Amino acid sequence: MLALGLLGASFFAFTSCSPDDDDEVFPRPNLTITASTATITGDANGDIEIGSNETVSFTIQGASAGGTRLKSIALTVSGVNPVNVIPNTSEGYDLNDIANLDNADEDLYNDVLTIDGVFFSQEGVTNFRFTLTDDRDQSQVVDIAVTVNDPTPLANEKIGAFFHVEGSLQGAYDLVAATPVPGAPGADVTVQDMRNTDGVGETFTGKWTAGNATAYVKDNSYDYDNATEESALAAYAAGTASQNVNNPLVGDIYIAKLRGGDEYAVVKITNVDPLDNTCQCVNRGKIEFDFKKK
């Protein structure tokens, strides 16, 4: 009996809880930050890319968890565009220091922090770290990187044209050199970014193909007036590229990736005239366009 008693005592000793096991573990509060500009809304808790001097607003949504109460919100800023004085939030909180929440007896916190574009003057990354803490000192942290990346304007605008390929004038166009080139058989195809493909005796439509690796994506919603290298790349990537363009119409916009490289041109059709007789020949016709590139 004594042996059994000792065995029972020993078992109890090995299975009893230590003082640390009594410590209760509390969940962290929930925190969601959404960064946005006048034209862009980022993903929740996601980084955002802007142009210089754009104003950024952070929508803050916090919630307590596990019966806790929210206590404070804090923000630290680091990177190429330090915000020396953080403006008050729309709810009036000063995030230059740890801001104690007035609604500490509530479980929700909704607010907006707006950083004026004057603070985003340099290209590069600025990091915003938000920390939401509850009354049991459990914290949730969200980091948002704001990258200033000024677009590269396609400011070099040219006027181009080519004629019926079976006529007596240039039936192709070189977008790199910005000049008409011969399109007849035997001509140098490496410079033929656009070569008319209307046949002998056919009414001129202006359709073309590339004799080289240049390819096109049609996008009539593209903002030609404010064309940039970045927006051209994005529009091209979003479409289906082809070396052949059929039935171009006035107002059509084509994004050209030049010769398989990393440079782009944006072509806007301004005139298609099947009756143009500049060539004084049977196979008449002319297409005109504006285009922008670096």
C-alpha atoms as a PDB file:
ATOM      1  CA  MET A   1       0.000   0.000   0.000  1.00  0.00           C
ATOM      2  CA  LEU A   2       2.841   2.357   0.868  1.00  0.00           C
ATOM      3  CA  ALA A   3       4.405   1.723  -2.547  1.00  0.00           C
ATOM      4  CA  LEU A   4       1.162   2.554  -4.314  1.00  0.00           C
ATOM      5  CA  GLY A   5       0.829   5.731  -2.302  1.00  0.00           C
ATOM      6  CA  LEU A   6       4.304   6.826  -3.222  1.00  0.00           C
ATOM      7  CA  LEU A   7       3.641   6.041  -6.896  1.00  0.00           C
ATOM      8  CA  GLY A   8       0.493   8.139  -6.831  1.00  0.00           C
ATOM      9  CA  ALA A   9       2.310  11.051  -5.221  1.00  0.00           C
ATOM     10  CA  SER A  10       5.083  10.772  -7.793  1.00  0.00           C
ATOM     11  CA  PHE A  11       2.553  10.792 -10.681  1.00  0.00           C
ATOM     12  CA  PHE A  12       0.873  13.869  -9.246  1.00  0.00           C
ATOM     13  CA  ALA A  13       4.231  15.607  -8.957  1.00  0.00           C
ATOM     14  CA  PHE A  14       5.049  14.995 -12.603  1.00  0.00           C
ATOM     15  CA  THR A  15       1.665  16.105 -13.980  1.00  0.00           C
ATOM     16  CA  SER A  16       1.058  19.224 -11.913  1.00  0.00           C
ATOM     17  CA  CYS A  17       1.175  22.590 -13.782  1.00  0.00           C
ATOM     18  CA  SER A  18       4.031  25.004 -13.451  1.00  0.00           C
ATOM     19  CA  PRO A  19       3.278  28.643 -12.611  1.00  0.00           C
ATOM     20  CA  ASP A  20       3.973  29.637 -16.255  1.00  0.00           C
ATOM     21  CA  ASP A  21       1.215  27.348 -17.476  1.00  0.00           C
ATOM     22  CA  ASP A  22      -1.319  29.527 -15.674  1.00  0.00           C
ATOM     23  CA  ASP A  23      -0.408  32.603 -17.733  1.00  0.00           C
ATOM     24  CA  GLU A  24      -3.235  33.455 -20.089  1.00  0.00           C
ATOM     25  CA  VAL A  25      -2.296  34.190 -23.725  1.00  0.00           C
ATOM     26  CA  PHE A  26      -4.373  36.956 -25.276  1.00  0.00           C
ATOM     27  CA  PRO A  27      -4.931  37.431 -29.030  1.00  0.00           C
ATOM     28  CA  ARG A  28      -3.560  40.466 -30.794  1.00  0.00           C
ATOM     29  CA  PRO A  29      -5.890  43.206 -32.041  1.00  0.00           C
ATOM     30  CA  ASN A  30      -6.788  43.309 -35.715  1.00  0.00           C
ATOM     31  CA  LEU A  31      -5.380  46.115 -37.867  1.00  0.00           C
ATOM     32  CA  THR A  32      -5.995  46.870 -41.549  1.00  0.00           C
ATOM     33  CA  ILE A  33      -4.405  49.798 -43.384  1.00  0.00           C
ATOM     34  CA  THR A  34      -5.366  50.792 -46.929  1.00  0.00           C
ATOM     35  CA  ALA A  35      -3.225  53.379 -48.725  1.00  0.00           C
ATOM     36  CA  SER A  36      -4.771  55.402 -51.539  1.00  0.00           C
ATOM     37  CA  THR A  37      -4.289  58.487 -53.708  1.00  0.00           C
ATOM     38  CA  ALA A  38      -6.744  60.486 -55.795  1.00  0.00           C
ATOM     39  CA  THR A  39      -6.394  57.874 -58.552  1.00  0.00           C
ATOM     40  CA  ILE A  40      -5.148  54.674 -56.874  1.00  0.00           C
ATOM     41  CA  THR A  41      -6.505  52.492 -54.083  1.00  0.00           C
ATOM     42  CA  GLY A  42      -3.979  49.971 -52.852  1.00  0.00           C
ATOM     43  CA  ASP A  43      -4.564  46.519 -51.446  1.00  0.00           C
ATOM     44  CA  ALA A  44      -5.344  46.133 -47.764  1.00  0.00           C
ATOM     45  CA  ASN A  45      -2.040  46.135 -45.840  1.00  0.00           C
ATOM     46  CA  GLY A  46      -0.278  46.397 -49.214  1.00  0.00           C
ATOM     47  CA  ASP A  47       2.438  48.677 -50.508  1.00  0.00           C
ATOM     48  CA  ILE A  48       1.642  51.451 -52.990  1.00  0.00           C
ATOM     49  CA  GLU A  49       3.501  53.203 -55.815  1.00  0.00           C
ATOM     50  CA  ILE A  50       2.876  56.878 -56.542  1.00  0.00           C
ATOM     51  CA  GLY A  51       4.262  59.775 -58.529  1.00  0.00           C
ATOM     52  CA  SER A  52       6.110  62.586 -56.794  1.00  0.00           C
ATOM     53  CA  ASN A  53       4.042  65.122 -54.872  1.00  0.00           C
ATOM     54  CA  GLU A  54       0.962  62.897 -54.748  1.00  0.00           C
ATOM     55  CA  THR A  55      -1.085  63.035 -51.552  1.00  0.00           C
ATOM     56  CA  VAL A  56      -1.536  59.688 -49.798  1.00  0.00           C
ATOM     57  CA  SER A  57      -4.365  58.762 -47.427  1.00  0.00           C
ATOM     58  CA  PHE A  58      -4.187  55.815 -45.034  1.00  0.00           C
ATOM     59  CA  THR A  59      -7.538  54.365 -44.011  1.00  0.00           C
ATOM     60  CA  ILE A  60      -7.101  52.752 -40.589  1.00  0.00           C
ATOM     61  CA  GLN A  61      -9.442  50.026 -39.355  1.00  0.00           C
ATOM     62  CA  GLY A  62      -8.765  48.446 -35.992  1.00  0.00           C
ATOM     63  CA  ALA A  63     -10.639  45.989 -33.811  1.00  0.00           C
ATOM     64  CA  SER A  64      -9.925  44.406 -30.464  1.00  0.00           C
ATOM     65  CA  ALA A  65      -9.897  40.647 -30.004  1.00  0.00           C
ATOM     66  CA  GLY A  66     -10.667  38.274 -27.171  1.00  0.00           C
ATOM     67  CA  GLY A  67     -12.587  40.772 -25.039  1.00  0.00           C
ATOM     68  CA  THR A  68      -9.754  43.290 -24.846  1.00  0.00           C
ATOM     69  CA  ARG A  69     -10.085  47.031 -25.361  1.00  0.00           C
ATOM     70  CA  LEU A  70      -8.066  49.195 -27.710  1.00  0.00           C
ATOM     71  CA  LYS A  71      -5.622  51.542 -26.019  1.00  0.00           C
ATOM     72  CA  SER A  72      -3.305  53.353 -28.464  1.00  0.00           C
ATOM     73  CA  ILE A  73      -2.176  53.863 -32.045  1.00  0.00           C
ATOM     74  CA  ALA A  74       1.369  54.796 -33.053  1.00  0.00           C
ATOM     75  CA  LEU A  75       3.234  55.519 -36.291  1.00  0.00           C
ATOM     76  CA  THR A  76       6.904  55.619 -37.230  1.00  0.00           C
ATOM     77  CA  VAL A  77       8.156  56.845 -40.605  1.00  0.00           C
ATOM     78  CA  SER A  78      11.510  56.118 -42.234  1.00  0.00           C
ATOM     79  CA  GLY A  79      13.034  56.212 -45.694  1.00  0.00           C
ATOM     80  CA  VAL A  80      13.855  58.714 -48.408  1.00  0.00           C
ATOM     81  CA  ASN A  81      10.929  61.018 -47.645  1.00  0.00           C
ATOM     82  CA  PRO A  82      10.785  61.412 -43.856  1.00  0.00           C
ATOM     83  CA  VAL A  83       7.629  63.108 -42.622  1.00  0.00           C
ATOM     84  CA  ASN A  84       9.077  65.352 -39.946  1.00  0.00           C
ATOM     85  CA  VAL A  85       5.699  66.412 -38.563  1.00  0.00           C
ATOM     86  CA  ILE A  86       2.864  63.922 -38.921  1.00  0.00           C
ATOM     87  CA  PRO A  87      -0.490  65.686 -39.309  1.00  0.00           C
ATOM     88  CA  ASN A  88      -3.384  64.820 -37.041  1.00  0.00           C
ATOM     89  CA  THR A  89      -5.738  62.082 -38.184  1.00  0.00           C
ATOM     90  CA  SER A  90      -9.328  62.842 -39.156  1.00  0.00           C
ATOM     91  CA  GLU A  91     -10.327  61.808 -35.626  1.00  0.00           C
ATOM     92  CA  GLY A  92      -7.850  64.310 -34.188  1.00  0.00           C
ATOM     93  CA  TYR A  93      -5.102  61.960 -33.010  1.00  0.00           C
ATOM     94  CA  ASP A  94      -1.492  63.156 -32.998  1.00  0.00           C
ATOM     95  CA  LEU A  95       0.694  60.309 -34.239  1.00  0.00           C
ATOM     96  CA  ASN A  96       3.967  62.144 -33.659  1.00  0.00           C
ATOM     97  CA  ASP A  97       3.894  60.221 -30.368  1.00  0.00           C
ATOM     98  CA  ILE A  98       1.926  57.235 -29.092  1.00  0.00           C
ATOM     99  CA  ALA A  99      -1.684  58.423 -29.254  1.00  0.00           C
ATOM    100  CA  ASN A 100      -3.984  57.173 -26.517  1.00  0.00           C
ATOM    101  CA  LEU A 101      -7.372  56.388 -27.993  1.00  0.00           C
ATOM    102  CA  ASP A 102     -10.316  58.239 -26.513  1.00  0.00           C
ATOM    103  CA  ASN A 103     -12.519  55.263 -27.265  1.00  0.00           C
ATOM    104  CA  ALA A 104     -10.502  52.946 -25.017  1.00  0.00           C
ATOM    105  CA  ASP A 105     -13.754  51.412 -23.781  1.00  0.00           C
ATOM    106  CA  GLU A 106     -14.657  50.471 -27.355  1.00  0.00           C
ATOM    107  CA  ASP A 107     -13.524  47.559 -29.475  1.00  0.00           C
ATOM    108  CA  LEU A 108     -13.388  49.369 -32.841  1.00  0.00           C
ATOM    109  CA  TYR A 109     -11.201  52.150 -34.210  1.00  0.00           C
ATOM    110  CA  ASN A 110     -11.730  53.760 -37.633  1.00  0.00           C
ATOM    111  CA  ASP A 111      -9.683  56.718 -38.811  1.00  0.00           C
ATOM    112  CA  VAL A 112      -7.907  58.337 -41.773  1.00  0.00           C
ATOM    113  CA  LEU A 113      -4.402  59.797 -41.890  1.00  0.00           C
ATOM    114  CA  THR A 114      -3.621  62.021 -44.870  1.00  0.00           C
ATOM    115  CA  ILE A 115      -0.026  62.849 -45.815  1.00  0.00           C
ATOM    116  CA  ASP A 116       0.255  65.840 -48.143  1.00  0.00           C
ATOM    117  CA  GLY A 117       2.077  65.313 -51.421  1.00  0.00           C
ATOM    118  CA  VAL A 118       4.663  67.942 -50.480  1.00  0.00           C
ATOM    119  CA  PHE A 119       6.325  65.260 -48.346  1.00  0.00           C
ATOM    120  CA  PHE A 120       6.782  62.906 -51.318  1.00  0.00           C
ATOM    121  CA  SER A 121       9.329  64.896 -53.294  1.00  0.00           C
ATOM    122  CA  GLN A 122      12.082  62.326 -53.874  1.00  0.00           C
ATOM    123  CA  GLU A 123      12.018  59.073 -55.783  1.00  0.00           C
ATOM    124  CA  GLY A 124      12.432  56.029 -53.561  1.00  0.00           C
ATOM    125  CA  VAL A 125      10.758  54.174 -50.697  1.00  0.00           C
ATOM    126  CA  THR A 126       9.268  55.604 -47.514  1.00  0.00           C
ATOM    127  CA  ASN A 127       8.100  53.137 -44.857  1.00  0.00           C
ATOM    128  CA  PHE A 128       5.089  53.731 -42.623  1.00  0.00           C
ATOM    129  CA  ARG A 129       4.791  51.436 -39.577  1.00  0.00           C
ATOM    130  CA  PHE A 130       1.448  51.501 -37.750  1.00  0.00           C
ATOM    131  CA  THR A 131       1.144  49.863 -34.320  1.00  0.00           C
ATOM    132  CA  LEU A 132      -2.232  49.282 -32.636  1.00  0.00           C
ATOM    133  CA  THR A 133      -2.096  48.252 -28.963  1.00  0.00           C
ATOM    134  CA  ASP A 134      -4.828  47.056 -26.626  1.00  0.00           C
ATOM    135  CA  ASP A 135      -5.235  47.364 -22.854  1.00  0.00           C
ATOM    136  CA  ARG A 136      -3.359  44.102 -22.273  1.00  0.00           C
ATOM    137  CA  ASP A 137      -0.386  45.478 -24.222  1.00  0.00           C
ATOM    138  CA  GLN A 138      -0.901  43.135 -27.146  1.00  0.00           C
ATOM    139  CA  SER A 139       0.079  44.900 -30.371  1.00  0.00           C
ATOM    140  CA  GLN A 140      -0.501  44.435 -34.077  1.00  0.00           C
ATOM    141  CA  VAL A 141       1.913  46.015 -36.575  1.00  0.00           C
ATOM    142  CA  VAL A 142       1.318  46.844 -40.257  1.00  0.00           C
ATOM    143  CA  ASP A 143       4.088  48.143 -42.529  1.00  0.00           C
ATOM    144  CA  ILE A 144       3.210  50.056 -45.696  1.00  0.00           C
ATOM    145  CA  ALA A 145       5.929  51.034 -48.200  1.00  0.00           C
ATOM    146  CA  VAL A 146       5.140  54.102 -50.309  1.00  0.00           C
ATOM    147  CA  THR A 147       7.358  54.165 -53.387  1.00  0.00           C
ATOM    148  CA  VAL A 148       7.717  57.368 -55.374  1.00  0.00           C
ATOM    149  CA  ASN A 149       8.417  56.430 -58.974  1.00  0.00           C
ATOM    150  CA  ASP A 150       7.933  59.215 -61.466  1.00  0.00           C
ATOM    151  CA  PRO A 151       6.828  57.968 -64.881  1.00  0.00           C
ATOM    152  CA  THR A 152       8.992  58.565 -67.953  1.00  0.00           C
ATOM    153  CA  PRO A 153       7.023  60.682 -70.422  1.00  0.00           C
ATOM    154  CA  LEU A 154       7.025  59.720 -74.076  1.00  0.00           C
ATOM    155  CA  ALA A 155       7.660  63.321 -74.992  1.00  0.00           C
ATOM    156  CA  ASN A 156       9.197  62.835 -78.435  1.00  0.00           C
ATOM    157  CA  GLU A 157       6.172  63.235 -80.735  1.00  0.00           C
ATOM    158  CA  LYS A 158       6.455  62.746 -84.487  1.00  0.00           C
ATOM    159  CA  ILE A 159       4.159  62.783 -87.510  1.00  0.00           C
ATOM    160  CA  GLY A 160       4.401  59.750 -89.776  1.00  0.00           C
ATOM    161  CA  ALA A 161       2.868  58.414 -92.986  1.00  0.00           C
ATOM    162  CA  PHE A 162       3.271  55.727 -95.606  1.00  0.00           C
ATOM    163  CA  PHE A 163       1.620  54.929 -98.944  1.00  0.00           C
ATOM    164  CA  HIS A 164       0.154  51.986-100.822  1.00  0.00           C
ATOM    165  CA  VAL A 165       2.924  49.401-100.944  1.00  0.00           C
ATOM    166  CA  GLU A 166       2.211  48.724-104.618  1.00  0.00           C
ATOM    167  CA  GLY A 167       2.471  52.399-105.517  1.00  0.00           C
ATOM    168  CA  SER A 168       5.543  54.387-106.446  1.00  0.00           C
ATOM    169  CA  LEU A 169       6.220  55.915-103.014  1.00  0.00           C
ATOM    170  CA  GLN A 170       7.383  54.540 -99.652  1.00  0.00           C
ATOM    171  CA  GLY A 171       5.070  51.774 -98.508  1.00  0.00           C
ATOM    172  CA  ALA A 172       6.600  51.306 -95.069  1.00  0.00           C
ATOM    173  CA  TYR A 173       7.675  53.282 -92.022  1.00  0.00           C
ATOM    174  CA  ASP A 174      10.615  53.197 -89.614  1.00  0.00           C
ATOM    175  CA  LEU A 175       9.368  54.184 -86.134  1.00  0.00           C
ATOM    176  CA  VAL A 176      12.888  54.243 -84.695  1.00  0.00           C
ATOM    177  CA  ALA A 177      14.332  56.684 -87.230  1.00  0.00           C
ATOM    178  CA  ALA A 178      10.918  58.349 -87.691  1.00  0.00           C
ATOM    179  CA  THR A 179      11.024  58.204 -91.476  1.00  0.00           C
ATOM    180  CA  PRO A 180       9.199  56.490 -94.377  1.00  0.00           C
ATOM    181  CA  VAL A 181      11.131  53.615 -95.970  1.00  0.00           C
ATOM    182  CA  PRO A 182      10.617  51.459 -99.063  1.00  0.00           C
ATOM    183  CA  GLY A 183       8.203  48.577 -98.667  1.00  0.00           C
ATOM    184  CA  ALA A 184       8.654  46.917-102.050  1.00  0.00           C
ATOM    185  CA  PRO A 185      10.101  43.380-102.374  1.00  0.00           C
ATOM    186  CA  GLY A 186      13.831  43.386-101.782  1.00  0.00           C
ATOM    187  CA  ALA A 187      13.746  46.395 -99.433  1.00  0.00           C
ATOM    188  CA  ASP A 188      15.404  46.270 -96.018  1.00  0.00           C
ATOM    189  CA  VAL A 189      12.825  44.618 -93.757  1.00  0.00           C
ATOM    190  CA  THR A 190      14.784  45.261 -90.563  1.00  0.00           C
ATOM    191  CA  VAL A 191      13.625  48.892 -90.563  1.00  0.00           C
ATOM    192  CA  GLN A 192      10.039  48.154 -91.594  1.00  0.00           C
ATOM    193  CA  ASP A 193       8.139  48.606 -88.338  1.00  0.00           C
ATOM    194  CA  MET A 194       5.023  49.226 -90.429  1.00  0.00           C
ATOM    195  CA  ARG A 195       4.688  47.887 -93.982  1.00  0.00           C
ATOM    196  CA  ASN A 196       1.466  48.201 -95.938  1.00  0.00           C
ATOM    197  CA  THR A 197      -0.027  44.870 -97.028  1.00  0.00           C
ATOM    198  CA  ASP A 198      -2.757  45.992 -99.458  1.00  0.00           C
ATOM    199  CA  GLY A 199      -2.430  44.092-102.725  1.00  0.00           C
ATOM    200  CA  VAL A 200      -2.065  45.222-106.304  1.00  0.00           C
ATOM    201  CA  GLY A 201      -5.271  46.872-107.474  1.00  0.00           C
ATOM    202  CA  GLU A 202      -6.833  46.662-103.982  1.00  0.00           C
ATOM    203  CA  THR A 203      -8.374  49.719-102.384  1.00  0.00           C
ATOM    204  CA  PHE A 204      -5.976  51.112 -99.820  1.00  0.00           C
ATOM    205  CA  THR A 205      -7.011  50.358 -96.215  1.00  0.00           C
ATOM    206  CA  GLY A 206      -3.742  51.252 -94.489  1.00  0.00           C
ATOM    207  CA  LYS A 207      -3.336  47.798 -92.955  1.00  0.00           C
ATOM    208  CA  TRP A 208       0.222  46.866 -92.128  1.00  0.00           C
ATOM    209  CA  THR A 209       2.581  44.242 -90.824  1.00  0.00           C
ATOM    210  CA  ALA A 210       6.030  44.463 -89.245  1.00  0.00           C
ATOM    211  CA  GLY A 211       8.965  43.278 -91.302  1.00  0.00           C
ATOM    212  CA  ASN A 212      10.967  43.003 -88.084  1.00  0.00           C
ATOM    213  CA  ALA A 213      10.066  41.987 -84.513  1.00  0.00           C
ATOM    214  CA  THR A 214       7.907  45.053 -83.742  1.00  0.00           C
ATOM    215  CA  ALA A 215       4.458  44.063 -82.445  1.00  0.00           C
ATOM    216  CA  TYR A 216       1.297  46.011 -81.606  1.00  0.00           C
ATOM    217  CA  VAL A 217      -1.528  46.069 -79.087  1.00  0.00           C
ATOM    218  CA  LYS A 218      -4.634  48.122 -79.875  1.00  0.00           C
ATOM    219  CA  ASP A 219      -5.937  50.164 -76.944  1.00  0.00           C
ATOM    220  CA  ASN A 220      -8.315  53.005 -77.824  1.00  0.00           C
ATOM    221  CA  SER A 221      -8.777  53.802 -74.119  1.00  0.00           C
ATOM    222  CA  TYR A 222      -5.100  54.669 -73.745  1.00  0.00           C
ATOM    223  CA  ASP A 223      -4.360  58.256 -72.662  1.00  0.00           C
ATOM    224  CA  TYR A 224      -2.310  59.333 -75.667  1.00  0.00           C
ATOM    225  CA  ASP A 225      -1.952  62.953 -74.511  1.00  0.00           C
ATOM    226  CA  ASN A 226      -0.235  61.811 -71.300  1.00  0.00           C
ATOM    227  CA  ALA A 227       1.680  58.858 -72.701  1.00  0.00           C
ATOM    228  CA  THR A 228       4.477  57.482 -70.517  1.00  0.00           C
ATOM    229  CA  GLU A 229       6.854  54.591 -70.897  1.00  0.00           C
ATOM    230  CA  GLU A 230       5.340  52.891 -67.851  1.00  0.00           C
ATOM    231  CA  SER A 231       1.726  53.221 -69.019  1.00  0.00           C
ATOM    232  CA  ALA A 232       2.658  52.047 -72.502  1.00  0.00           C
ATOM    233  CA  LEU A 233       4.369  48.977 -71.074  1.00  0.00           C
ATOM    234  CA  ALA A 234       1.322  48.234 -68.891  1.00  0.00           C
ATOM    235  CA  ALA A 235      -1.120  48.657 -71.783  1.00  0.00           C
ATOM    236  CA  TYR A 236       0.976  46.435 -74.022  1.00  0.00           C
ATOM    237  CA  ALA A 237       1.253  43.740 -71.353  1.00  0.00           C
ATOM    238  CA  ALA A 238      -2.512  43.808 -70.786  1.00  0.00           C
ATOM    239  CA  GLY A 239      -3.357  43.182 -74.445  1.00  0.00           C
ATOM    240  CA  THR A 240      -2.746  40.594 -77.121  1.00  0.00           C
ATOM    241  CA  ALA A 241       0.193  41.563 -79.304  1.00  0.00           C
ATOM    242  CA  SER A 242       0.368  41.003 -83.048  1.00  0.00           C
ATOM    243  CA  GLN A 243       2.695  42.042 -85.848  1.00  0.00           C
ATOM    244  CA  ASN A 244      -0.322  42.544 -88.103  1.00  0.00           C
ATOM    245  CA  VAL A 245      -2.764  45.449 -87.942  1.00  0.00           C
ATOM    246  CA  ASN A 246      -5.902  45.245 -90.070  1.00  0.00           C
ATOM    247  CA  ASN A 247      -8.389  48.002 -90.911  1.00  0.00           C
ATOM    248  CA  PRO A 248      -6.858  50.865 -88.899  1.00  0.00           C
ATOM    249  CA  LEU A 249      -9.341  53.693 -88.397  1.00  0.00           C
ATOM    250  CA  VAL A 250      -8.953  57.359 -87.519  1.00  0.00           C
ATOM    251  CA  GLY A 251      -8.614  57.661 -83.744  1.00  0.00           C
ATOM    252  CA  ASP A 252      -7.300  54.144 -83.219  1.00  0.00           C
ATOM    253  CA  ILE A 253      -4.362  53.876 -80.818  1.00  0.00           C
ATOM    254  CA  TYR A 254      -1.700  51.174 -81.029  1.00  0.00           C
ATOM    255  CA  ILE A 255       1.022  50.444 -78.484  1.00  0.00           C
ATOM    256  CA  ALA A 256       4.155  49.284 -80.316  1.00  0.00           C
ATOM    257  CA  LYS A 257       6.927  47.303 -78.688  1.00  0.00           C
ATOM    258  CA  LEU A 258       9.824  48.187 -80.932  1.00  0.00           C
ATOM    259  CA  ARG A 259      11.784  45.346 -82.488  1.00  0.00           C
ATOM    260  CA  GLY A 260      11.501  42.981 -79.563  1.00  0.00           C
ATOM    261  CA  GLY A 261      13.391  45.339 -77.256  1.00  0.00           C
ATOM    262  CA  ASP A 262      12.382  47.319 -74.196  1.00  0.00           C
ATOM    263  CA  GLU A 263      11.307  50.554 -75.896  1.00  0.00           C
ATOM    264  CA  TYR A 264       7.772  51.500 -76.827  1.00  0.00           C
ATOM    265  CA  ALA A 265       5.986  53.865 -79.176  1.00  0.00           C
ATOM    266  CA  VAL A 266       2.340  54.909 -79.075  1.00  0.00           C
ATOM    267  CA  VAL A 267       0.750  55.370 -82.499  1.00  0.00           C
ATOM    268  CA  LYS A 268      -2.480  57.313 -83.069  1.00  0.00           C
ATOM    269  CA  ILE A 269      -4.097  57.129 -86.506  1.00  0.00           C
ATOM    270  CA  THR A 270      -5.048  60.597 -87.821  1.00  0.00           C
ATOM    271  CA  ASN A 271      -6.027  59.944 -91.446  1.00  0.00           C
ATOM    272  CA  VAL A 272      -6.669  57.047 -93.825  1.00  0.00           C
ATOM    273  CA  ASP A 273      -7.179  58.265 -97.394  1.00  0.00           C
ATOM    274  CA  PRO A 274      -7.638  55.586-100.061  1.00  0.00           C
ATOM    275  CA  LEU A 275      -7.952  58.311-102.734  1.00  0.00           C
ATOM    276  CA  ASP A 276      -4.695  60.096-102.005  1.00  0.00           C
ATOM    277  CA  ASN A 277      -2.835  60.338-105.309  1.00  0.00           C
ATOM    278  CA  THR A 278       0.418  61.867-104.169  1.00  0.00           C
ATOM    279  CA  CYS A 279       2.124  59.050-106.037  1.00  0.00           C
ATOM    280  CA  GLN A 280       0.370  59.912-109.321  1.00  0.00           C
ATOM    281  CA  CYS A 281      -0.059  56.182-109.845  1.00  0.00           C
ATOM    282  CA  VAL A 282      -2.689  53.453-110.031  1.00  0.00           C
ATOM    283  CA  ASN A 283      -2.197  52.028-106.546  1.00  0.00           C
ATOM    284  CA  ARG A 284      -2.969  55.155-104.599  1.00  0.00           C
ATOM    285  CA  GLY A 285      -3.647  55.702-100.911  1.00  0.00           C
ATOM    286  CA  LYS A 286      -1.993  57.105 -97.808  1.00  0.00           C
ATOM    287  CA  ILE A 287      -2.200  56.654 -94.027  1.00  0.00           C
ATOM    288  CA  GLU A 288      -1.086  59.324 -91.542  1.00  0.00           C
ATOM    289  CA  PHE A 289      -0.472  59.038 -87.822  1.00  0.00           C
ATOM    290  CA  ASP A 290       1.078  60.753 -84.840  1.00  0.00           C
ATOM    291  CA  PHE A 291       3.316  58.771 -82.551  1.00  0.00           C
ATOM    292  CA  LYS A 292       5.178  59.283 -79.299  1.00  0.00           C
ATOM    293  CA  LYS A 293       8.331  57.651 -77.982  1.00  0.00           C
ATOM    294  CA  LYS A 294      11.326  58.456 -75.807  1.00  0.00           C
END
